[in-house]
Amino acid sequence: MKTATTLLAPPPHVPFNDAVEPAAGQIALPFPGMTPVLPAPVERGDARPIRERSARFMQALVEVLSGERPVRQLAAWMAPDVYAQLTSRLSAHARVPLRARSGRGARIVSVHVAMVHDEAAEIAGRMVHRGRSRAIAVRLELQETHRGDKVWRCTALVWA
């Protein structure tokens, strides 16, 4: 019986330099010199002012969704209707603090910022909690407070 390391693979019939059409139902891999079929997400507009702040907000939001942080800590960051939606959904699921057995709680692993215009950004993120991935999308808008200061506030929130 041969082991996997001693098996010989036959040479490919088509060299990688030639264009290869995928079979029905397959997605082509991006070979050198070819453009990828599915483009990687890129940031639109100048996202530098909001990039770091949105990553911290998303991490705090992930901790709230997993039950590691109280929801009231996000009240200043959220529009009243979004905060009410979040609290009602969390109370419906009766979240209790859940610590991961490995000592690592929920964490945000990727954040993609798209500037809609100078005063609005849409952020998509991926969280990992107990070995499962979930998607989160928020819209942050620059709003004026009663003191006249400009602050970023979450005006829309969706997670799956």
C-alpha atoms as a PDB file:
ATOM      1  CA  MET A   1       0.000   0.000   0.000  1.00  0.00           C
ATOM      2  CA  LYS A   2       1.382   3.405  -0.942  1.00  0.00           C
ATOM      3  CA  THR A   3       1.180   6.354   1.404  1.00  0.00           C
ATOM      4  CA  ALA A   4       0.019   9.781   0.338  1.00  0.00           C
ATOM      5  CA  THR A   5       3.608  11.037   0.176  1.00  0.00           C
ATOM      6  CA  THR A   6       4.661   8.355  -2.312  1.00  0.00           C
ATOM      7  CA  LEU A   7       1.755   8.724  -4.738  1.00  0.00           C
ATOM      8  CA  LEU A   8       2.683  10.272  -8.048  1.00  0.00           C
ATOM      9  CA  ALA A   9       0.316  12.738  -9.659  1.00  0.00           C
ATOM     10  CA  PRO A  10       0.135  12.720 -13.448  1.00  0.00           C
ATOM     11  CA  PRO A  11       1.236  15.953 -15.140  1.00  0.00           C
ATOM     12  CA  PRO A  12      -1.615  18.319 -15.990  1.00  0.00           C
ATOM     13  CA  HIS A  13      -2.942  18.071 -19.531  1.00  0.00           C
ATOM     14  CA  VAL A  14      -3.303  21.844 -19.907  1.00  0.00           C
ATOM     15  CA  PRO A  15      -0.391  24.153 -19.066  1.00  0.00           C
ATOM     16  CA  PHE A  16      -1.216  27.062 -16.736  1.00  0.00           C
ATOM     17  CA  ASN A  17      -0.151  29.642 -19.329  1.00  0.00           C
ATOM     18  CA  ASP A  18      -3.207  28.964 -21.512  1.00  0.00           C
ATOM     19  CA  ALA A  19      -6.648  30.291 -20.661  1.00  0.00           C
ATOM     20  CA  VAL A  20      -8.808  27.652 -18.989  1.00  0.00           C
ATOM     21  CA  GLU A  21     -12.571  27.867 -18.886  1.00  0.00           C
ATOM     22  CA  PRO A  22     -14.127  26.472 -15.692  1.00  0.00           C
ATOM     23  CA  ALA A  23     -16.620  23.637 -15.913  1.00  0.00           C
ATOM     24  CA  ALA A  24     -20.270  24.381 -15.269  1.00  0.00           C
ATOM     25  CA  GLY A  25     -20.840  25.269 -11.617  1.00  0.00           C
ATOM     26  CA  GLN A  26     -17.160  25.975 -10.851  1.00  0.00           C
ATOM     27  CA  ILE A  27     -15.510  29.280 -10.005  1.00  0.00           C
ATOM     28  CA  ALA A  28     -12.189  29.864 -11.724  1.00  0.00           C
ATOM     29  CA  LEU A  29      -9.104  30.352  -9.553  1.00  0.00           C
ATOM     30  CA  PRO A  30      -7.023  33.495 -10.144  1.00  0.00           C
ATOM     31  CA  PHE A  31      -3.927  32.281 -11.949  1.00  0.00           C
ATOM     32  CA  PRO A  32      -0.945  34.623 -12.494  1.00  0.00           C
ATOM     33  CA  GLY A  33      -1.685  37.180 -15.176  1.00  0.00           C
ATOM     34  CA  MET A  34      -5.449  36.738 -14.847  1.00  0.00           C
ATOM     35  CA  THR A  35      -7.839  39.017 -12.994  1.00  0.00           C
ATOM     36  CA  PRO A  36      -9.687  37.339 -10.118  1.00  0.00           C
ATOM     37  CA  VAL A  37     -13.306  36.353 -10.624  1.00  0.00           C
ATOM     38  CA  LEU A  38     -14.391  37.755  -7.253  1.00  0.00           C
ATOM     39  CA  PRO A  39     -12.602  41.027  -6.456  1.00  0.00           C
ATOM     40  CA  ALA A  40     -11.245  41.562  -2.949  1.00  0.00           C
ATOM     41  CA  PRO A  41     -13.089  44.259  -0.969  1.00  0.00           C
ATOM     42  CA  VAL A  42     -11.450  47.664  -1.114  1.00  0.00           C
ATOM     43  CA  GLU A  43     -12.110  50.813   0.857  1.00  0.00           C
ATOM     44  CA  ARG A  44     -13.896  53.526  -1.064  1.00  0.00           C
ATOM     45  CA  GLY A  45     -13.208  57.144  -0.274  1.00  0.00           C
ATOM     46  CA  ASP A  46     -10.901  58.420   2.462  1.00  0.00           C
ATOM     47  CA  ALA A  47     -11.638  56.064   5.360  1.00  0.00           C
ATOM     48  CA  ARG A  48      -8.568  57.002   7.438  1.00  0.00           C
ATOM     49  CA  PRO A  49     -10.416  59.155  10.003  1.00  0.00           C
ATOM     50  CA  ILE A  50     -12.945  56.429  10.818  1.00  0.00           C
ATOM     51  CA  ARG A  51     -10.974  53.186  10.249  1.00  0.00           C
ATOM     52  CA  GLU A  52      -9.483  52.756  13.742  1.00  0.00           C
ATOM     53  CA  ARG A  53     -12.555  54.100  15.516  1.00  0.00           C
ATOM     54  CA  SER A  54     -14.860  51.750  13.620  1.00  0.00           C
ATOM     55  CA  ALA A  55     -12.684  48.726  14.463  1.00  0.00           C
ATOM     56  CA  ARG A  56     -12.917  49.549  18.181  1.00  0.00           C
ATOM     57  CA  PHE A  57     -16.675  50.099  17.894  1.00  0.00           C
ATOM     58  CA  MET A  58     -17.117  46.785  16.081  1.00  0.00           C
ATOM     59  CA  GLN A  59     -15.095  44.948  18.762  1.00  0.00           C
ATOM     60  CA  ALA A  60     -17.271  46.480  21.494  1.00  0.00           C
ATOM     61  CA  LEU A  61     -20.388  45.537  19.530  1.00  0.00           C
ATOM     62  CA  VAL A  62     -19.178  41.938  19.171  1.00  0.00           C
ATOM     63  CA  GLU A  63     -18.620  41.746  22.921  1.00  0.00           C
ATOM     64  CA  VAL A  64     -22.176  43.004  23.508  1.00  0.00           C
ATOM     65  CA  LEU A  65     -23.652  40.502  21.048  1.00  0.00           C
ATOM     66  CA  SER A  66     -21.812  37.621  22.734  1.00  0.00           C
ATOM     67  CA  GLY A  67     -22.846  38.735  26.228  1.00  0.00           C
ATOM     68  CA  GLU A  68     -19.375  39.727  27.454  1.00  0.00           C
ATOM     69  CA  ARG A  69     -20.160  43.452  27.773  1.00  0.00           C
ATOM     70  CA  PRO A  70     -23.309  45.262  28.929  1.00  0.00           C
ATOM     71  CA  VAL A  71     -25.305  46.874  26.127  1.00  0.00           C
ATOM     72  CA  ARG A  72     -25.567  50.214  27.960  1.00  0.00           C
ATOM     73  CA  GLN A  73     -21.885  50.873  27.166  1.00  0.00           C
ATOM     74  CA  LEU A  74     -22.869  51.399  23.519  1.00  0.00           C
ATOM     75  CA  ALA A  75     -25.717  53.824  24.210  1.00  0.00           C
ATOM     76  CA  ALA A  76     -23.636  56.934  23.448  1.00  0.00           C
ATOM     77  CA  TRP A  77     -22.520  55.464  20.112  1.00  0.00           C
ATOM     78  CA  MET A  78     -25.994  54.590  18.829  1.00  0.00           C
ATOM     79  CA  ALA A  79     -29.056  56.366  17.575  1.00  0.00           C
ATOM     80  CA  PRO A  80     -31.993  55.825  19.968  1.00  0.00           C
ATOM     81  CA  ASP A  81     -33.960  53.591  17.564  1.00  0.00           C
ATOM     82  CA  VAL A  82     -30.939  51.378  16.839  1.00  0.00           C
ATOM     83  CA  TYR A  83     -30.165  51.089  20.564  1.00  0.00           C
ATOM     84  CA  ALA A  84     -33.792  50.104  21.261  1.00  0.00           C
ATOM     85  CA  GLN A  85     -33.641  47.476  18.486  1.00  0.00           C
ATOM     86  CA  LEU A  86     -30.411  46.039  19.918  1.00  0.00           C
ATOM     87  CA  THR A  87     -31.649  45.889  23.512  1.00  0.00           C
ATOM     88  CA  SER A  88     -34.982  44.319  22.552  1.00  0.00           C
ATOM     89  CA  ARG A  89     -33.322  41.663  20.410  1.00  0.00           C
ATOM     90  CA  LEU A  90     -30.755  40.828  23.094  1.00  0.00           C
ATOM     91  CA  SER A  91     -33.402  40.636  25.814  1.00  0.00           C
ATOM     92  CA  ALA A  92     -35.519  38.382  23.593  1.00  0.00           C
ATOM     93  CA  HIS A  93     -32.603  35.955  23.397  1.00  0.00           C
ATOM     94  CA  ALA A  94     -31.875  36.358  27.128  1.00  0.00           C
ATOM     95  CA  ARG A  95     -28.133  36.757  26.665  1.00  0.00           C
ATOM     96  CA  VAL A  96     -25.988  35.876  29.630  1.00  0.00           C
ATOM     97  CA  PRO A  97     -22.219  36.299  29.808  1.00  0.00           C
ATOM     98  CA  LEU A  98     -20.602  33.470  27.876  1.00  0.00           C
ATOM     99  CA  ARG A  99     -16.873  33.067  28.233  1.00  0.00           C
ATOM    100  CA  ALA A 100     -15.069  30.887  25.767  1.00  0.00           C
ATOM    101  CA  ARG A 101     -13.450  27.837  27.316  1.00  0.00           C
ATOM    102  CA  SER A 102     -10.086  28.740  25.808  1.00  0.00           C
ATOM    103  CA  GLY A 103     -10.131  32.078  27.614  1.00  0.00           C
ATOM    104  CA  ARG A 104     -10.686  34.006  24.385  1.00  0.00           C
ATOM    105  CA  GLY A 105     -14.034  35.655  23.950  1.00  0.00           C
ATOM    106  CA  ALA A 106     -15.703  36.908  20.818  1.00  0.00           C
ATOM    107  CA  ARG A 107     -13.464  38.963  18.562  1.00  0.00           C
ATOM    108  CA  ILE A 108     -13.693  40.910  15.358  1.00  0.00           C
ATOM    109  CA  VAL A 109     -11.354  39.468  12.728  1.00  0.00           C
ATOM    110  CA  SER A 110     -11.994  41.723   9.733  1.00  0.00           C
ATOM    111  CA  VAL A 111     -13.390  45.181   9.167  1.00  0.00           C
ATOM    112  CA  HIS A 112     -14.081  46.777   5.777  1.00  0.00           C
ATOM    113  CA  VAL A 113     -14.950  50.482   5.609  1.00  0.00           C
ATOM    114  CA  ALA A 114     -16.751  52.117   2.685  1.00  0.00           C
ATOM    115  CA  MET A 115     -17.217  55.869   2.834  1.00  0.00           C
ATOM    116  CA  VAL A 116     -20.629  56.727   1.388  1.00  0.00           C
ATOM    117  CA  HIS A 117     -19.780  60.419   1.643  1.00  0.00           C
ATOM    118  CA  ASP A 118     -17.747  62.591   4.030  1.00  0.00           C
ATOM    119  CA  GLU A 119     -20.270  62.213   6.847  1.00  0.00           C
ATOM    120  CA  ALA A 120     -21.364  58.580   6.442  1.00  0.00           C
ATOM    121  CA  ALA A 121     -19.502  55.267   6.465  1.00  0.00           C
ATOM    122  CA  GLU A 122     -20.739  51.720   6.033  1.00  0.00           C
ATOM    123  CA  ILE A 123     -18.715  49.074   7.831  1.00  0.00           C
ATOM    124  CA  ALA A 124     -18.863  45.321   7.292  1.00  0.00           C
ATOM    125  CA  GLY A 125     -17.150  43.005   9.736  1.00  0.00           C
ATOM    126  CA  ARG A 126     -16.718  39.361  10.567  1.00  0.00           C
ATOM    127  CA  MET A 127     -16.766  38.133  14.145  1.00  0.00           C
ATOM    128  CA  VAL A 128     -15.596  34.779  15.485  1.00  0.00           C
ATOM    129  CA  HIS A 129     -17.106  33.382  18.664  1.00  0.00           C
ATOM    130  CA  ARG A 130     -16.671  29.821  19.899  1.00  0.00           C
ATOM    131  CA  GLY A 131     -15.373  28.700  16.514  1.00  0.00           C
ATOM    132  CA  ARG A 132     -18.257  30.149  14.478  1.00  0.00           C
ATOM    133  CA  SER A 133     -18.175  33.145  12.150  1.00  0.00           C
ATOM    134  CA  ARG A 134     -20.926  35.739  11.907  1.00  0.00           C
ATOM    135  CA  ALA A 135     -21.339  38.845   9.780  1.00  0.00           C
ATOM    136  CA  ILE A 136     -22.041  42.332  11.113  1.00  0.00           C
ATOM    137  CA  ALA A 137     -22.853  45.480   9.142  1.00  0.00           C
ATOM    138  CA  VAL A 138     -23.259  48.985  10.557  1.00  0.00           C
ATOM    139  CA  ARG A 139     -23.705  52.480   9.208  1.00  0.00           C
ATOM    140  CA  LEU A 140     -21.964  55.288  11.069  1.00  0.00           C
ATOM    141  CA  GLU A 141     -22.977  58.879  10.426  1.00  0.00           C
ATOM    142  CA  LEU A 142     -21.314  62.048  11.636  1.00  0.00           C
ATOM    143  CA  GLN A 143     -23.968  63.851  13.684  1.00  0.00           C
ATOM    144  CA  GLU A 144     -23.995  67.015  15.730  1.00  0.00           C
ATOM    145  CA  THR A 145     -24.617  66.744  19.482  1.00  0.00           C
ATOM    146  CA  HIS A 146     -26.615  69.200  21.581  1.00  0.00           C
ATOM    147  CA  ARG A 147     -23.296  70.867  22.481  1.00  0.00           C
ATOM    148  CA  GLY A 148     -22.425  71.395  18.827  1.00  0.00           C
ATOM    149  CA  ASP A 149     -19.737  68.694  18.697  1.00  0.00           C
ATOM    150  CA  LYS A 150     -19.566  66.275  15.747  1.00  0.00           C
ATOM    151  CA  VAL A 151     -19.610  62.588  16.740  1.00  0.00           C
ATOM    152  CA  TRP A 152     -19.916  59.325  14.818  1.00  0.00           C
ATOM    153  CA  ARG A 153     -23.163  57.548  15.662  1.00  0.00           C
ATOM    154  CA  CYS A 154     -24.470  54.148  14.570  1.00  0.00           C
ATOM    155  CA  THR A 155     -27.693  54.682  12.608  1.00  0.00           C
ATOM    156  CA  ALA A 156     -28.160  51.146  11.244  1.00  0.00           C
ATOM    157  CA  LEU A 157     -27.152  47.708  12.502  1.00  0.00           C
ATOM    158  CA  VAL A 158     -27.602  44.244  11.014  1.00  0.00           C
ATOM    159  CA  TRP A 159     -26.003  40.980  12.123  1.00  0.00           C
ATOM    160  CA  ALA A 160     -26.459  37.383  11.099  1.00  0.00           C
END
